[in-house]
Protein backbone atom coordinates (compact mmCIF):
# COMPACT_ATOMS: atom_id res chain seq x y z
CA MET A 1 -77.09 96.06 228.02
CA LYS A 2 -76.47 98.84 225.19
CA LYS A 3 -73.06 99.73 227.04
CA ILE A 4 -71.85 96.22 227.46
CA LEU A 5 -72.86 95.20 223.38
CA TRP A 6 -71.04 98.69 222.12
CA ALA A 7 -67.89 97.64 224.50
CA LEU A 8 -67.78 94.46 222.84
CA VAL A 9 -68.14 95.84 219.31
CA LEU A 10 -65.32 98.26 220.30
CA ILE A 11 -63.05 95.57 221.18
CA GLY A 12 -63.90 93.60 217.95
CA LEU A 13 -63.07 96.94 215.76
CA LEU A 14 -59.97 97.23 217.73
CA SER A 15 -58.92 93.95 217.06
CA CYS A 16 -59.64 94.04 213.25
CA VAL A 17 -57.49 97.10 213.64
CA ASN A 18 -54.51 95.23 215.35
CA ASN A 19 -54.74 92.20 212.62
CA THR A 20 -54.60 94.78 209.70
CA LYS A 21 -51.01 96.43 211.04
CA LYS A 22 -47.94 95.64 208.92
CA GLU A 23 -45.21 93.62 210.35
CA GLU A 24 -42.84 96.06 209.61
CA ASP A 25 -44.84 98.66 211.15
CA LEU A 26 -44.31 96.82 214.78
CA ASP A 27 -41.88 97.25 217.11
CA PHE A 28 -39.12 94.61 218.33
CA THR A 29 -36.31 93.84 220.39
CA GLU A 30 -33.78 91.46 218.91
CA VAL A 31 -31.83 88.91 221.47
CA GLU A 32 -28.26 89.58 221.28
CA ILE A 33 -26.66 86.26 219.55
CA THR A 34 -22.46 86.55 219.96
CA TYR A 35 -21.16 83.49 218.10
CA ALA A 36 -24.23 81.65 216.06
CA GLU A 37 -24.62 82.89 212.48
CA GLY A 38 -27.66 80.60 211.52
CA PHE A 39 -30.56 82.23 213.40
CA SER A 40 -32.22 85.13 214.99
CA ILE A 41 -34.66 86.02 217.67
CA HIS A 42 -37.16 88.93 217.23
CA ARG A 43 -39.62 89.75 220.38
CA TYR A 44 -42.60 91.61 219.36
CA GLU A 45 -45.31 92.57 222.17
CA ASP A 46 -47.40 89.89 221.15
CA PHE A 47 -45.39 87.29 219.69
CA THR A 48 -42.17 86.26 218.95
CA LYS A 49 -40.27 85.34 215.24
CA VAL A 50 -37.36 82.75 215.12
CA ILE A 51 -35.75 83.24 211.67
CA VAL A 52 -33.52 79.94 211.06
CA HIS A 53 -31.02 81.37 208.42
CA SER A 54 -29.45 78.22 207.28
CA PRO A 55 -31.89 75.38 208.03
CA TRP A 56 -29.60 72.96 205.73
CA GLN A 57 -26.84 73.17 202.88
CA GLU A 58 -27.20 75.53 200.47
CA ALA A 59 -30.77 76.37 201.82
CA GLU A 60 -32.17 78.89 199.32
CA LYS A 61 -34.45 80.51 201.94
CA GLU A 62 -34.75 81.28 205.52
CA LEU A 63 -37.26 79.53 207.43
CA VAL A 64 -39.71 81.91 210.16
CA TYR A 65 -41.54 80.83 212.97
CA ILE A 66 -43.93 82.63 214.92
CA LEU A 67 -44.29 82.05 218.38
CA LYS A 68 -47.20 83.11 220.32
CA ASN A 69 -50.00 82.60 222.99
CA LYS A 70 -53.06 80.38 222.18
CA GLU A 71 -55.32 83.65 222.62
CA ILE A 72 -53.35 86.16 220.63
CA LYS A 73 -54.93 87.43 217.36
CA LEU A 74 -51.81 87.69 214.86
CA PRO A 75 -51.28 90.40 212.22
CA ASN A 76 -52.84 89.26 208.62
CA SER A 77 -49.75 90.56 207.04
CA LEU A 78 -47.19 87.63 208.62
CA VAL A 79 -45.42 85.42 206.64
CA TYR A 80 -44.04 82.22 208.13
CA ASP A 81 -42.92 78.77 207.81
CA ALA A 82 -45.10 77.35 211.16
CA MET A 83 -46.81 78.93 214.23
CA ILE A 84 -46.44 77.27 217.43
CA ASP A 85 -48.72 78.17 220.29
CA LEU A 86 -47.37 78.42 223.89
CA PRO A 87 -46.39 76.95 226.02
CA ILE A 88 -45.40 73.65 224.57
CA GLU A 89 -46.43 70.88 226.64
CA LYS A 90 -45.08 67.61 224.30
CA LEU A 91 -42.04 67.66 222.37
CA VAL A 92 -40.44 65.06 219.69
CA THR A 93 -36.83 65.53 218.70
CA THR A 94 -34.55 63.64 216.10
CA SER A 95 -30.96 64.74 217.22
CA THR A 96 -29.33 63.96 220.25
CA THR A 97 -27.32 67.25 220.25
CA HIS A 98 -30.95 68.62 220.70
CA ILE A 99 -31.16 66.79 224.32
CA PRO A 100 -28.71 68.70 226.21
CA SER A 101 -30.24 71.95 225.80
CA LEU A 102 -33.54 70.27 227.23
CA ILE A 103 -31.29 68.90 230.00
CA ALA A 104 -29.95 72.12 230.80
CA LEU A 105 -33.33 74.02 230.79
CA ASN A 106 -35.31 71.23 233.14
CA LYS A 107 -37.10 70.45 230.57
CA LEU A 108 -36.52 66.81 229.58
CA LYS A 109 -39.55 65.95 230.89
CA LYS A 110 -41.74 67.39 227.94
CA LEU A 111 -39.89 64.76 225.48
CA VAL A 112 -41.93 62.11 224.49
CA GLY A 113 -40.45 60.69 221.24
CA PHE A 114 -37.09 59.86 219.44
CA PRO A 115 -35.65 58.08 216.69
CA ASN A 116 -33.55 55.40 217.19
CA LEU A 117 -33.60 55.59 221.32
CA ASP A 118 -30.47 53.53 221.71
CA TYR A 119 -28.30 56.61 220.18
CA ILE A 120 -29.17 58.68 223.38
CA SER A 121 -25.97 58.40 225.98
CA SER A 122 -27.21 61.18 228.48
CA GLU A 123 -28.31 59.48 232.21
CA ALA A 124 -30.84 61.31 232.43
CA ALA A 125 -32.55 60.74 229.35
CA ARG A 126 -32.08 57.08 229.43
CA GLU A 127 -33.71 57.18 232.90
CA TYR A 128 -37.15 58.17 231.04
CA ILE A 129 -36.35 56.12 228.31
CA ALA A 130 -36.52 52.83 230.70
CA GLU A 131 -39.53 54.40 232.50
CA GLY A 132 -41.36 54.51 229.32
CA LYS A 133 -41.60 57.96 228.75
CA ILE A 134 -39.74 58.65 225.78
CA LYS A 135 -41.23 56.48 223.02
CA GLU A 136 -39.43 54.69 219.99
CA LEU A 137 -40.00 56.42 217.21
CA GLY A 138 -37.92 54.15 214.29
CA LYS A 139 -35.49 55.55 212.12
CA ASN A 140 -34.49 59.32 211.70
CA GLU A 141 -34.80 58.95 208.04
CA ALA A 142 -38.24 57.35 208.14
CA ILE A 143 -40.28 58.16 211.41
CA ASN A 144 -43.16 55.94 212.46
CA THR A 145 -45.61 58.55 211.50
CA GLU A 146 -48.49 56.61 213.47
CA ILE A 147 -46.63 56.72 216.80
CA VAL A 148 -45.93 60.22 216.33
CA LEU A 149 -49.28 60.78 215.38
CA GLU A 150 -50.43 59.17 218.74
CA LEU A 151 -47.86 60.97 220.89
CA ASP A 152 -49.70 63.88 219.54
CA PRO A 153 -46.58 66.72 220.27
CA ASP A 154 -46.80 70.20 219.96
CA VAL A 155 -43.70 70.80 217.91
CA ILE A 156 -41.00 68.35 216.51
CA PHE A 157 -37.25 69.77 216.26
CA SER A 158 -35.70 68.19 213.40
CA PHE A 159 -32.50 68.74 210.88
CA ALA A 160 -32.49 68.14 207.50
CA LEU A 161 -29.25 67.24 205.12
CA GLU A 162 -31.28 68.77 201.82
CA GLY A 163 -34.72 69.86 203.56
CA GLN A 164 -36.08 66.81 201.95
CA ASN A 165 -37.90 64.26 204.74
CA LYS A 166 -41.28 62.66 203.34
CA ALA A 167 -42.24 61.63 206.96
CA LEU A 168 -41.84 64.84 208.47
CA ASN A 169 -43.53 66.73 205.49
CA LYS A 170 -46.25 63.94 206.30
CA LEU A 171 -46.78 65.12 209.79
CA GLN A 172 -46.57 68.51 208.94
CA GLU A 173 -49.68 68.29 206.63
CA SER A 174 -51.31 66.87 209.79
CA GLY A 175 -50.88 69.81 211.98
CA ILE A 176 -47.88 69.18 213.63
CA PRO A 177 -45.41 72.11 213.40
CA ILE A 178 -41.70 70.96 212.12
CA VAL A 179 -38.80 73.31 213.36
CA TYR A 180 -35.59 72.69 212.00
CA ASN A 181 -32.49 73.69 213.73
CA GLY A 182 -29.25 74.40 211.93
CA ASP A 183 -26.80 74.10 214.88
CA TRP A 184 -24.65 71.52 213.05
CA LEU A 185 -23.56 74.23 210.22
CA GLU A 186 -22.34 76.64 212.88
CA LYS A 187 -18.55 77.16 211.50
CA SER A 188 -17.53 77.74 215.50
CA ALA A 189 -17.87 75.87 218.64
CA LEU A 190 -19.49 78.71 220.91
CA GLY A 191 -21.61 79.38 217.82
CA LYS A 192 -23.18 75.81 218.44
CA ALA A 193 -23.40 76.02 222.10
CA GLU A 194 -25.39 79.21 221.47
CA TRP A 195 -28.44 77.52 220.00
CA VAL A 196 -29.58 76.42 223.63
CA LYS A 197 -30.86 80.41 222.95
CA PHE A 198 -33.20 78.62 220.28
CA PHE A 199 -34.44 76.19 222.89
CA GLY A 200 -34.98 78.60 225.33
CA ILE A 201 -37.22 80.95 223.51
CA PHE A 202 -39.07 78.15 222.00
CA LEU A 203 -39.52 76.78 225.77
CA GLY A 204 -40.55 79.64 227.60
CA GLU A 205 -36.64 79.80 229.12
CA LEU A 206 -35.21 82.21 227.65
CA ASP A 207 -33.27 84.12 230.54
CA GLN A 208 -32.55 80.44 231.85
CA SER A 209 -30.80 79.57 228.67
CA ILE A 210 -28.82 82.97 228.17
CA LYS A 211 -27.35 81.92 231.44
CA ALA A 212 -26.55 78.41 230.65
CA PHE A 213 -24.91 79.71 227.55
CA GLU A 214 -22.65 82.58 229.70
CA ASP A 215 -21.58 79.84 232.15
CA VAL A 216 -20.16 77.91 228.76
CA GLU A 217 -18.42 80.64 227.15
CA GLN A 218 -16.42 81.59 230.44
CA SER A 219 -15.48 78.12 231.05
CA TYR A 220 -14.35 78.26 227.73
CA GLN A 221 -12.36 81.56 227.66
CA SER A 222 -10.98 80.60 230.69
CA LEU A 223 -9.50 77.72 229.43
CA LYS A 224 -8.12 79.23 226.45
CA ASP A 225 -6.48 81.79 228.54
CA LEU A 226 -5.04 78.78 230.79
CA ALA A 227 -3.47 76.89 228.07
CA LYS A 228 -2.21 80.17 226.50
CA THR A 229 0.08 80.29 229.87
CA SER A 230 1.93 77.05 228.74
CA SER A 231 5.42 77.27 227.10
CA LYS A 232 4.74 74.35 224.49
CA LYS A 233 2.95 73.81 221.22
CA PRO A 234 2.50 70.49 220.82
CA SER A 235 1.98 69.29 217.49
CA VAL A 236 -1.11 67.09 216.62
CA ILE A 237 -2.76 65.28 213.85
CA ALA A 238 -6.62 64.29 213.64
CA GLY A 239 -8.59 61.46 211.52
CA ALA A 240 -7.84 58.58 209.86
CA MET A 241 -8.17 56.47 206.72
CA HIS A 242 -11.74 55.29 205.36
CA GLN A 243 -11.13 53.25 202.50
CA ASP A 244 -8.28 54.46 200.34
CA ARG A 245 -8.22 58.03 201.87
CA TRP A 246 -7.40 59.40 205.40
CA TYR A 247 -10.47 61.99 206.05
CA LEU A 248 -8.85 64.91 208.94
CA PRO A 249 -10.79 68.40 209.66
CA TYR A 250 -9.92 71.41 207.82
CA GLY A 251 -7.89 74.03 209.53
CA THR A 252 -10.70 76.17 209.13
CA SER A 253 -13.23 73.58 210.75
CA TRP A 254 -14.51 74.23 214.27
CA GLN A 255 -12.62 70.85 215.54
CA ALA A 256 -9.84 72.70 213.79
CA GLN A 257 -10.36 75.48 216.40
CA PHE A 258 -10.11 73.26 219.46
CA PHE A 259 -6.71 72.39 218.34
CA GLU A 260 -5.41 76.28 217.87
CA ASP A 261 -7.52 77.38 221.50
CA ALA A 262 -5.97 74.37 223.47
CA HIS A 263 -2.71 75.73 222.26
CA ALA A 264 -1.52 73.01 220.27
CA ASP A 265 -0.37 72.80 216.57
CA TYR A 266 -2.18 71.31 213.92
CA ILE A 267 -0.43 70.10 211.11
CA TYR A 268 -2.96 70.90 209.01
CA ASN A 269 -4.22 74.19 210.28
CA HIS A 270 -3.34 76.10 206.78
CA THR A 271 -6.12 74.01 204.70
CA LYS A 272 -9.22 75.26 203.96
CA GLY A 273 -12.75 73.99 203.03
CA LYS A 274 -15.98 72.56 204.28
CA GLY A 275 -16.34 69.16 205.46
CA SER A 276 -13.45 66.85 205.64
CA ALA A 277 -10.32 67.27 203.68
CA ALA A 278 -9.10 63.80 202.27
CA PHE A 279 -5.61 62.80 201.53
CA ALA A 280 -3.70 59.97 200.34
CA PHE A 281 -2.13 57.82 203.45
CA GLU A 282 1.99 58.77 202.31
CA THR A 283 0.82 62.34 202.34
CA VAL A 284 -0.43 62.12 205.49
CA LEU A 285 3.05 59.84 206.94
CA GLN A 286 5.07 62.56 205.34
CA ASP A 287 3.58 65.79 207.09
CA ALA A 288 2.83 64.01 210.24
CA LYS A 289 4.96 61.33 211.23
CA GLN A 290 6.50 63.03 213.60
CA ALA A 291 3.07 64.72 215.28
CA GLU A 292 3.34 64.40 219.20
CA PHE A 293 -0.07 63.70 219.48
CA TRP A 294 -3.25 62.13 217.27
CA ILE A 295 -6.81 62.83 218.17
CA SER A 296 -9.76 60.57 217.20
CA PRO A 297 -8.37 58.27 214.91
CA GLY A 298 -11.58 57.29 213.30
CA GLN A 299 -13.55 54.66 214.95
CA TYR A 300 -10.69 52.68 216.70
CA ILE A 301 -10.68 52.06 219.91
CA SER A 302 -7.54 50.17 220.41
CA TYR A 303 -3.82 50.07 219.16
CA GLU A 304 -4.41 46.93 218.13
CA GLN A 305 -7.47 47.66 216.29
CA LEU A 306 -5.20 50.07 214.37
CA ARG A 307 -2.46 48.01 213.87
CA GLU A 308 -4.87 44.97 212.23
CA SER A 309 -6.80 47.69 210.19
CA ASN A 310 -3.16 49.25 208.48
CA THR A 311 0.06 48.29 209.73
CA HIS A 312 1.88 51.27 208.78
CA TYR A 313 0.09 53.27 211.68
CA GLN A 314 2.92 52.06 213.67
CA GLU A 315 5.51 54.45 212.08
CA PHE A 316 3.78 57.46 213.48
CA ASP A 317 5.27 58.72 216.36
CA ALA A 318 2.37 59.20 218.17
CA PHE A 319 1.60 55.62 217.85
CA GLN A 320 4.84 54.54 219.23
CA GLN A 321 4.69 56.83 222.10
CA LYS A 322 1.02 55.94 222.94
CA ASN A 323 -0.09 59.74 222.78
CA ILE A 324 -3.38 58.65 220.87
CA PHE A 325 -6.73 59.77 222.30
CA THR A 326 -10.46 58.70 221.04
CA MET A 327 -13.72 60.13 221.81
CA ALA A 328 -15.12 56.61 220.64
CA ARG A 329 -14.47 54.86 224.21
CA THR A 330 -16.85 57.27 226.13
CA THR A 331 -20.43 55.44 225.56
CA GLY A 332 -23.61 55.49 226.77
CA GLU A 333 -25.24 52.26 228.32
CA THR A 334 -26.61 51.38 224.50
CA GLY A 335 -23.69 52.31 222.73
CA GLY A 336 -24.08 55.55 221.70
CA VAL A 337 -20.78 58.07 221.62
CA LEU A 338 -21.18 61.00 224.32
CA PHE A 339 -19.24 63.40 222.26
CA TYR A 340 -21.63 63.62 219.58
CA GLU A 341 -24.51 64.13 221.63
CA LEU A 342 -22.91 66.30 224.72
CA GLY A 343 -20.14 67.92 223.04
CA PRO A 344 -21.49 70.76 220.52
CA ASN A 345 -23.45 72.09 223.54
CA ARG A 346 -20.44 71.88 225.76
CA PRO A 347 -17.45 72.86 223.82
CA ASP A 348 -15.76 74.25 227.33
CA LEU A 349 -15.59 70.25 228.01
CA ILE A 350 -13.92 69.43 225.03
CA LEU A 351 -11.51 71.91 225.25
CA LYS A 352 -10.67 70.64 228.95
CA ASP A 353 -9.79 67.52 228.00
CA LEU A 354 -7.42 68.71 225.34
CA VAL A 355 -5.78 70.96 227.27
CA LYS A 356 -5.39 68.32 229.69
CA ILE A 357 -3.88 66.00 226.96
CA PHE A 358 -1.79 68.53 225.60
CA HIS A 359 -0.57 70.20 228.89
CA PRO A 360 -1.54 67.80 231.55
CA ASP A 361 0.47 70.23 234.20
CA LEU A 362 -2.15 72.60 233.74
CA LEU A 363 -5.24 70.63 234.90
CA THR A 364 -3.69 67.85 237.37
CA ASN A 365 -6.79 66.92 238.79
CA GLU A 366 -9.48 67.41 235.67
CA ALA A 367 -11.09 64.19 235.07
CA PHE A 368 -11.80 63.23 231.04
CA THR A 369 -14.98 63.89 229.92
CA PHE A 370 -15.23 62.64 226.30
CA PHE A 371 -11.71 61.30 225.35
CA LYS A 372 -9.84 58.48 226.56
CA PRO A 373 -6.52 57.28 225.84
CA LEU A 374 -6.23 54.50 223.11
CA ALA A 375 -6.94 51.01 224.50
CA PHE A 376 -3.40 48.61 224.83
CA GLU A 377 -5.47 45.59 224.25
């Protein structure tokens, strides 16, 4: 009996010693992140630290999440914003861009709630919704906290424009960890796609997430190399008028990078800035009247809609030659635009569409995933 008591005392002492260790004295390995700038993953012997460097625009501090098995005792010196016990059995997410990662990792069944289900386009997720397995949570800005508390998820994955969401703050106070995802702030297409590793570490599928990203990366690079073989580099314009200004991507944006990688000459590739550039209609008409292609003309899905909105759109060569393409025509059964959901995770599919548009002779047998020609009716 004494031996057993001494053994228990020794285990307790060792546990106390472990708890007093300082984090900086612990060894860790860092998961390789090649393109994404917004997060890091540090794997320690007993836990994993996930650091989100830019949880929202102009964020003044990083957010730190600790992932561990329930029985693990952590060093008292650890500083973090939320702790998540693994494995995660039930989760809530508030952005459609998170859903493709759940599907790629075969973890969609863990999703139990989402705000405004009509925005979801994927067929797999719509089947779960039809079966009542994913509950409606209202609006993202004001999530129904009562339903969330009833669902009792292990974690909520969300995003924030300024770090303020009263409903999420209330849920965090109730004991549900809130994890902010900053994929939408990435500056490159492959950087956005690499956030599948973020979900991989939370969901116990890091190796699978790495493989999923490598497949996308390889596909993207192959398409980029294919586009370069074309002797043509057609000119392209993007965007459309909203109120009294024409909004279009800056030349330093991730959208403009697609044009470059698809071997096209974006009229405004010389511009620099964050968000969208805004010009007077007359300026764009002068600069881009002769552009061969026009991509993503706002919410418009037909030439008639464009004409009714502004008769001067007809003056563009791309309008006259019927070379306007939109992603707004590709929607889920309840109207969600597939591009916004799947596009950030699958930039290779976006690039494939654009290469097919600009260089149709290079991809003669490929079908469009997101983009379609503007309708004539």
